[in-house]
Amino acid sequence: MIQGFKDFLLRGNIVDLAVAVVIGTAFTALVAAFTSSFINPLIGVVGGGGVDGATLAINDQVFDYGGFINAIITFVLTAAVVYFAIVVPMKKLNEMRSRGQEPEPEGVAEDIALLREIRDALVTRRDL
């Protein structure tokens, strides 16, 4: 039972997923810091500058469209880096692994065909 659990945990997919989550989380923090430090002020300047930059006020309700644009940029940057830094290399690694494996045989091996003949002969003999 413990061996099965160890095999499950050490299977390539689980380890790859754990690494992806850790790296993705760390990179999300990095991208969030970048967008809040550089992109958000840039959006604010383009949206009018100052404290109220990239906001829209209608009937005393403030819409922070700059924050929404910042969130979109953060998401796109995070998704792109996770894809190009984790997904693409893992695909290439799996392709290289699969190239090293032998392909499955096309037909039935002779010994298996012979065993099937013996089985069929025993079944017909038993029915007599």
N, C-alpha and C. Protein backbone atom coordinates (compact mmCIF):
# COMPACT_ATOMS: atom_id res chain seq x y z
N MET A 1 0.82 -1.18 0.00
CA MET A 1 0.00 0.00 0.00
C MET A 1 0.87 1.26 0.00
N ILE A 2 1.91 1.28 0.84
CA ILE A 2 2.81 2.44 0.89
C ILE A 2 3.59 2.55 -0.41
N GLN A 3 3.99 1.41 -0.98
CA GLN A 3 4.75 1.43 -2.24
C GLN A 3 3.89 2.02 -3.36
N GLY A 4 2.62 1.66 -3.40
CA GLY A 4 1.73 2.22 -4.40
C GLY A 4 1.59 3.72 -4.26
N PHE A 5 1.53 4.19 -3.02
CA PHE A 5 1.44 5.63 -2.78
C PHE A 5 2.71 6.33 -3.22
N LYS A 6 3.88 5.72 -2.94
CA LYS A 6 5.14 6.29 -3.37
C LYS A 6 5.22 6.34 -4.89
N ASP A 7 4.77 5.27 -5.56
CA ASP A 7 4.78 5.26 -7.02
C ASP A 7 3.89 6.36 -7.58
N PHE A 8 2.73 6.55 -6.95
CA PHE A 8 1.81 7.60 -7.38
C PHE A 8 2.46 8.97 -7.24
N LEU A 9 3.11 9.24 -6.12
CA LEU A 9 3.72 10.54 -5.88
C LEU A 9 4.92 10.80 -6.78
N LEU A 10 5.67 9.75 -7.06
CA LEU A 10 6.89 9.93 -7.83
C LEU A 10 6.67 9.79 -9.33
N ARG A 11 5.44 9.54 -9.72
CA ARG A 11 5.14 9.48 -11.14
C ARG A 11 5.43 10.84 -11.73
N GLY A 12 5.89 10.89 -12.96
CA GLY A 12 6.31 12.14 -13.60
C GLY A 12 5.27 13.24 -13.57
N ASN A 13 4.01 12.90 -13.77
CA ASN A 13 2.98 13.93 -13.87
C ASN A 13 2.80 14.68 -12.55
N ILE A 14 2.83 13.98 -11.44
CA ILE A 14 2.62 14.61 -10.14
C ILE A 14 3.80 15.53 -9.81
N VAL A 15 5.00 15.07 -10.05
CA VAL A 15 6.18 15.89 -9.77
C VAL A 15 6.18 17.12 -10.68
N ASP A 16 5.86 16.93 -11.95
CA ASP A 16 5.81 18.06 -12.88
C ASP A 16 4.77 19.08 -12.44
N LEU A 17 3.63 18.60 -12.00
CA LEU A 17 2.57 19.49 -11.55
C LEU A 17 3.00 20.28 -10.32
N ALA A 18 3.65 19.61 -9.38
CA ALA A 18 4.12 20.31 -8.17
C ALA A 18 5.14 21.38 -8.51
N VAL A 19 6.06 21.06 -9.40
CA VAL A 19 7.07 22.04 -9.81
C VAL A 19 6.40 23.22 -10.51
N ALA A 20 5.43 22.93 -11.37
CA ALA A 20 4.74 23.99 -12.09
C ALA A 20 3.99 24.91 -11.14
N VAL A 21 3.37 24.35 -10.12
CA VAL A 21 2.62 25.18 -9.15
C VAL A 21 3.57 26.08 -8.38
N VAL A 22 4.68 25.52 -7.92
CA VAL A 22 5.64 26.33 -7.15
C VAL A 22 6.24 27.44 -8.01
N ILE A 23 6.68 27.08 -9.21
CA ILE A 23 7.28 28.10 -10.08
C ILE A 23 6.23 29.11 -10.51
N GLY A 24 5.03 28.65 -10.82
CA GLY A 24 3.96 29.56 -11.22
C GLY A 24 3.61 30.55 -10.12
N THR A 25 3.56 30.08 -8.88
CA THR A 25 3.25 30.95 -7.75
C THR A 25 4.34 32.00 -7.54
N ALA A 26 5.59 31.54 -7.62
CA ALA A 26 6.70 32.48 -7.44
C ALA A 26 6.73 33.50 -8.58
N PHE A 27 6.48 33.04 -9.78
CA PHE A 27 6.52 33.97 -10.91
C PHE A 27 5.33 34.92 -10.88
N THR A 28 4.19 34.47 -10.40
CA THR A 28 3.03 35.36 -10.28
C THR A 28 3.35 36.53 -9.36
N ALA A 29 4.04 36.26 -8.27
CA ALA A 29 4.44 37.35 -7.36
C ALA A 29 5.39 38.31 -8.06
N LEU A 30 6.31 37.78 -8.85
CA LEU A 30 7.24 38.62 -9.58
C LEU A 30 6.52 39.50 -10.60
N VAL A 31 5.61 38.91 -11.36
CA VAL A 31 4.86 39.67 -12.37
C VAL A 31 3.96 40.70 -11.69
N ALA A 32 3.34 40.35 -10.57
CA ALA A 32 2.49 41.30 -9.86
C ALA A 32 3.31 42.50 -9.38
N ALA A 33 4.52 42.26 -8.89
CA ALA A 33 5.38 43.36 -8.46
C ALA A 33 5.78 44.23 -9.65
N PHE A 34 6.09 43.59 -10.78
CA PHE A 34 6.45 44.35 -11.98
C PHE A 34 5.30 45.21 -12.46
N THR A 35 4.11 44.62 -12.55
CA THR A 35 2.98 45.39 -13.07
C THR A 35 2.56 46.49 -12.11
N SER A 36 2.62 46.24 -10.80
CA SER A 36 2.23 47.30 -9.87
C SER A 36 3.28 48.40 -9.79
N SER A 37 4.55 48.06 -10.02
CA SER A 37 5.61 49.06 -9.94
C SER A 37 5.81 49.84 -11.23
N PHE A 38 5.62 49.21 -12.37
CA PHE A 38 5.92 49.86 -13.64
C PHE A 38 4.70 50.07 -14.53
N ILE A 39 3.90 49.03 -14.70
CA ILE A 39 2.77 49.11 -15.63
C ILE A 39 1.64 49.96 -15.06
N ASN A 40 1.30 49.76 -13.79
CA ASN A 40 0.20 50.52 -13.19
C ASN A 40 0.47 52.03 -13.21
N PRO A 41 1.67 52.51 -12.83
CA PRO A 41 1.93 53.95 -12.95
C PRO A 41 1.87 54.43 -14.40
N LEU A 42 2.32 53.60 -15.33
CA LEU A 42 2.26 53.98 -16.74
C LEU A 42 0.81 54.11 -17.20
N ILE A 43 -0.03 53.18 -16.78
CA ILE A 43 -1.46 53.26 -17.11
C ILE A 43 -2.07 54.51 -16.47
N GLY A 44 -1.66 54.81 -15.24
CA GLY A 44 -2.16 56.01 -14.57
C GLY A 44 -1.78 57.28 -15.29
N VAL A 45 -0.54 57.36 -15.79
CA VAL A 45 -0.09 58.54 -16.53
C VAL A 45 -0.87 58.67 -17.83
N VAL A 46 -1.05 57.57 -18.54
CA VAL A 46 -1.81 57.60 -19.80
C VAL A 46 -3.27 57.95 -19.52
N GLY A 47 -3.79 57.48 -18.38
CA GLY A 47 -5.19 57.73 -18.03
C GLY A 47 -5.44 59.07 -17.37
N GLY A 48 -4.46 59.94 -17.27
CA GLY A 48 -4.70 61.27 -16.73
C GLY A 48 -3.73 61.66 -15.63
N GLY A 49 -2.97 60.75 -15.09
CA GLY A 49 -1.97 61.05 -14.08
C GLY A 49 -2.56 61.33 -12.71
N GLY A 50 -1.69 61.44 -11.74
CA GLY A 50 -2.11 61.74 -10.37
C GLY A 50 -2.75 60.55 -9.68
N VAL A 51 -3.36 60.83 -8.55
CA VAL A 51 -3.99 59.79 -7.74
C VAL A 51 -5.19 59.19 -8.46
N ASP A 52 -5.90 60.03 -9.20
CA ASP A 52 -7.11 59.59 -9.88
C ASP A 52 -6.85 59.12 -11.31
N GLY A 53 -5.61 58.92 -11.68
CA GLY A 53 -5.29 58.48 -13.04
C GLY A 53 -5.86 57.10 -13.31
N ALA A 54 -6.33 56.88 -14.52
CA ALA A 54 -6.91 55.62 -14.98
C ALA A 54 -8.15 55.24 -14.18
N THR A 55 -8.90 56.25 -13.76
CA THR A 55 -10.19 56.00 -13.10
C THR A 55 -11.25 56.84 -13.80
N LEU A 56 -12.48 56.43 -13.62
CA LEU A 56 -13.61 57.14 -14.21
C LEU A 56 -14.66 57.31 -13.13
N ALA A 57 -15.11 58.53 -12.90
CA ALA A 57 -16.11 58.79 -11.87
C ALA A 57 -17.44 59.17 -12.52
N ILE A 58 -18.48 58.42 -12.16
CA ILE A 58 -19.83 58.70 -12.64
C ILE A 58 -20.75 58.70 -11.42
N ASN A 59 -21.42 59.82 -11.15
CA ASN A 59 -22.31 59.94 -10.00
C ASN A 59 -21.64 59.49 -8.70
N ASP A 60 -20.47 59.97 -8.45
CA ASP A 60 -19.67 59.67 -7.26
C ASP A 60 -19.27 58.20 -7.14
N GLN A 61 -19.40 57.44 -8.21
CA GLN A 61 -18.92 56.06 -8.25
C GLN A 61 -17.64 56.02 -9.08
N VAL A 62 -16.58 55.49 -8.48
CA VAL A 62 -15.28 55.49 -9.15
C VAL A 62 -15.04 54.11 -9.76
N PHE A 63 -14.75 54.10 -11.05
CA PHE A 63 -14.41 52.88 -11.78
C PHE A 63 -12.92 52.89 -12.04
N ASP A 64 -12.22 51.91 -11.49
CA ASP A 64 -10.77 51.84 -11.62
C ASP A 64 -10.42 50.92 -12.79
N TYR A 65 -10.53 51.47 -14.01
CA TYR A 65 -10.22 50.65 -15.18
C TYR A 65 -8.72 50.39 -15.30
N GLY A 66 -7.91 51.22 -14.68
CA GLY A 66 -6.46 50.99 -14.67
C GLY A 66 -6.10 49.72 -13.92
N GLY A 67 -6.78 49.47 -12.81
CA GLY A 67 -6.55 48.23 -12.05
C GLY A 67 -6.94 47.01 -12.84
N PHE A 68 -8.03 47.12 -13.62
CA PHE A 68 -8.47 46.00 -14.45
C PHE A 68 -7.46 45.73 -15.57
N ILE A 69 -6.99 46.80 -16.20
CA ILE A 69 -5.97 46.63 -17.25
C ILE A 69 -4.71 46.01 -16.66
N ASN A 70 -4.34 46.44 -15.46
CA ASN A 70 -3.19 45.89 -14.77
C ASN A 70 -3.36 44.40 -14.52
N ALA A 71 -4.55 43.99 -14.10
CA ALA A 71 -4.81 42.57 -13.85
C ALA A 71 -4.72 41.75 -15.13
N ILE A 72 -5.22 42.30 -16.23
CA ILE A 72 -5.13 41.60 -17.52
C ILE A 72 -3.67 41.42 -17.93
N ILE A 73 -2.87 42.48 -17.79
CA ILE A 73 -1.45 42.40 -18.16
C ILE A 73 -0.73 41.39 -17.27
N THR A 74 -1.04 41.39 -15.98
CA THR A 74 -0.44 40.43 -15.06
C THR A 74 -0.78 39.00 -15.47
N PHE A 75 -2.03 38.75 -15.80
CA PHE A 75 -2.45 37.41 -16.22
C PHE A 75 -1.75 36.98 -17.50
N VAL A 76 -1.71 37.86 -18.49
CA VAL A 76 -1.10 37.50 -19.78
C VAL A 76 0.39 37.23 -19.62
N LEU A 77 1.08 38.07 -18.86
CA LEU A 77 2.51 37.85 -18.64
C LEU A 77 2.77 36.54 -17.88
N THR A 78 1.99 36.27 -16.85
CA THR A 78 2.16 35.04 -16.09
C THR A 78 1.89 33.82 -16.96
N ALA A 79 0.81 33.85 -17.71
CA ALA A 79 0.47 32.70 -18.57
C ALA A 79 1.55 32.48 -19.62
N ALA A 80 2.07 33.56 -20.21
CA ALA A 80 3.09 33.42 -21.24
C ALA A 80 4.37 32.82 -20.67
N VAL A 81 4.80 33.29 -19.53
CA VAL A 81 6.05 32.78 -18.97
C VAL A 81 5.88 31.34 -18.50
N VAL A 82 4.77 31.01 -17.88
CA VAL A 82 4.55 29.62 -17.47
C VAL A 82 4.53 28.71 -18.70
N TYR A 83 3.89 29.18 -19.77
CA TYR A 83 3.84 28.36 -20.99
C TYR A 83 5.23 28.16 -21.57
N PHE A 84 5.97 29.26 -21.76
CA PHE A 84 7.26 29.15 -22.42
C PHE A 84 8.37 28.62 -21.51
N ALA A 85 8.25 28.79 -20.20
CA ALA A 85 9.30 28.32 -19.29
C ALA A 85 9.03 26.93 -18.75
N ILE A 86 7.77 26.48 -18.73
CA ILE A 86 7.46 25.18 -18.14
C ILE A 86 6.84 24.23 -19.16
N VAL A 87 5.78 24.66 -19.83
CA VAL A 87 5.03 23.75 -20.69
C VAL A 87 5.84 23.33 -21.90
N VAL A 88 6.43 24.28 -22.61
CA VAL A 88 7.18 23.95 -23.83
C VAL A 88 8.38 23.06 -23.51
N PRO A 89 9.22 23.38 -22.51
CA PRO A 89 10.33 22.47 -22.20
C PRO A 89 9.86 21.07 -21.76
N MET A 90 8.75 20.99 -21.01
CA MET A 90 8.26 19.68 -20.59
C MET A 90 7.77 18.87 -21.78
N LYS A 91 7.14 19.54 -22.76
CA LYS A 91 6.72 18.84 -23.97
C LYS A 91 7.93 18.27 -24.71
N LYS A 92 8.97 19.09 -24.84
CA LYS A 92 10.17 18.62 -25.52
C LYS A 92 10.83 17.48 -24.77
N LEU A 93 10.85 17.56 -23.45
CA LEU A 93 11.42 16.50 -22.64
C LEU A 93 10.63 15.21 -22.81
N ASN A 94 9.31 15.30 -22.79
CA ASN A 94 8.48 14.10 -22.99
C ASN A 94 8.66 13.52 -24.38
N GLU A 95 8.82 14.37 -25.41
CA GLU A 95 9.08 13.88 -26.76
C GLU A 95 10.41 13.16 -26.82
N MET A 96 11.43 13.71 -26.16
CA MET A 96 12.74 13.05 -26.16
C MET A 96 12.66 11.71 -25.42
N ARG A 97 11.90 11.66 -24.34
CA ARG A 97 11.72 10.41 -23.61
C ARG A 97 11.02 9.37 -24.47
N SER A 98 9.98 9.80 -25.19
CA SER A 98 9.22 8.85 -25.99
C SER A 98 10.02 8.36 -27.20
N ARG A 99 10.96 9.15 -27.71
CA ARG A 99 11.80 8.71 -28.82
C ARG A 99 12.71 7.56 -28.40
N GLY A 100 13.09 7.53 -27.14
CA GLY A 100 13.97 6.48 -26.65
C GLY A 100 13.27 5.16 -26.39
N GLN A 101 11.95 5.16 -26.38
CA GLN A 101 11.20 3.94 -26.10
C GLN A 101 10.98 3.15 -27.38
N GLU A 102 10.90 1.83 -27.22
CA GLU A 102 10.62 0.98 -28.36
C GLU A 102 9.14 1.05 -28.71
N PRO A 103 8.82 1.06 -29.99
CA PRO A 103 7.41 1.03 -30.36
C PRO A 103 6.81 -0.34 -30.08
N GLU A 104 5.52 -0.35 -29.86
CA GLU A 104 4.82 -1.61 -29.63
C GLU A 104 4.88 -2.46 -30.88
N PRO A 105 5.02 -3.78 -30.73
CA PRO A 105 5.06 -4.65 -31.91
C PRO A 105 3.73 -4.60 -32.65
N GLU A 106 3.81 -4.68 -33.97
CA GLU A 106 2.63 -4.58 -34.81
C GLU A 106 1.75 -5.84 -34.70
N GLY A 107 2.33 -6.98 -34.91
CA GLY A 107 1.56 -8.23 -34.92
C GLY A 107 1.69 -8.99 -33.61
N VAL A 108 1.09 -10.17 -33.59
CA VAL A 108 1.16 -11.03 -32.41
C VAL A 108 2.45 -11.84 -32.50
N ALA A 109 3.15 -11.93 -31.39
CA ALA A 109 4.39 -12.69 -31.35
C ALA A 109 4.09 -14.19 -31.56
N GLU A 110 5.11 -14.92 -32.06
CA GLU A 110 4.93 -16.35 -32.35
C GLU A 110 4.55 -17.15 -31.12
N ASP A 111 5.19 -16.86 -29.99
CA ASP A 111 4.90 -17.63 -28.79
C ASP A 111 3.47 -17.41 -28.31
N ILE A 112 2.97 -16.19 -28.46
CA ILE A 112 1.58 -15.91 -28.06
C ILE A 112 0.62 -16.63 -28.99
N ALA A 113 0.93 -16.63 -30.31
CA ALA A 113 0.07 -17.34 -31.26
C ALA A 113 0.07 -18.84 -30.96
N LEU A 114 1.22 -19.39 -30.63
CA LEU A 114 1.31 -20.81 -30.30
C LEU A 114 0.52 -21.13 -29.04
N LEU A 115 0.61 -20.28 -28.03
CA LEU A 115 -0.15 -20.50 -26.79
C LEU A 115 -1.65 -20.43 -27.05
N ARG A 116 -2.06 -19.55 -27.93
CA ARG A 116 -3.49 -19.47 -28.27
C ARG A 116 -3.95 -20.74 -28.98
N GLU A 117 -3.13 -21.27 -29.86
CA GLU A 117 -3.49 -22.52 -30.54
C GLU A 117 -3.64 -23.66 -29.53
N ILE A 118 -2.70 -23.72 -28.58
CA ILE A 118 -2.77 -24.77 -27.55
C ILE A 118 -4.03 -24.60 -26.72
N ARG A 119 -4.34 -23.39 -26.33
CA ARG A 119 -5.54 -23.12 -25.56
C ARG A 119 -6.79 -23.55 -26.32
N ASP A 120 -6.86 -23.16 -27.60
CA ASP A 120 -8.03 -23.53 -28.39
C ASP A 120 -8.15 -25.04 -28.55
N ALA A 121 -6.99 -25.71 -28.71
CA ALA A 121 -7.02 -27.18 -28.84
C ALA A 121 -7.50 -27.82 -27.54
N LEU A 122 -7.08 -27.29 -26.40
CA LEU A 122 -7.53 -27.85 -25.12
C LEU A 122 -9.01 -27.61 -24.90
N VAL A 123 -9.50 -26.47 -25.31
CA VAL A 123 -10.93 -26.16 -25.16
C VAL A 123 -11.76 -27.11 -26.02
N THR A 124 -11.34 -27.32 -27.26
CA THR A 124 -12.12 -28.23 -28.13
C THR A 124 -12.02 -29.67 -27.63
N ARG A 125 -10.90 -30.07 -27.07
CA ARG A 125 -10.72 -31.42 -26.55
C ARG A 125 -11.59 -31.65 -25.32
N ARG A 126 -11.72 -30.60 -24.49
CA ARG A 126 -12.54 -30.70 -23.28
C ARG A 126 -14.03 -30.81 -23.65
N ASP A 127 -14.43 -30.16 -24.72
CA ASP A 127 -15.83 -30.18 -25.13
C ASP A 127 -16.24 -31.55 -25.69
N LEU A 128 -15.30 -32.37 -26.10
CA LEU A 128 -15.65 -33.68 -26.65
C LEU A 128 -16.08 -34.63 -25.61
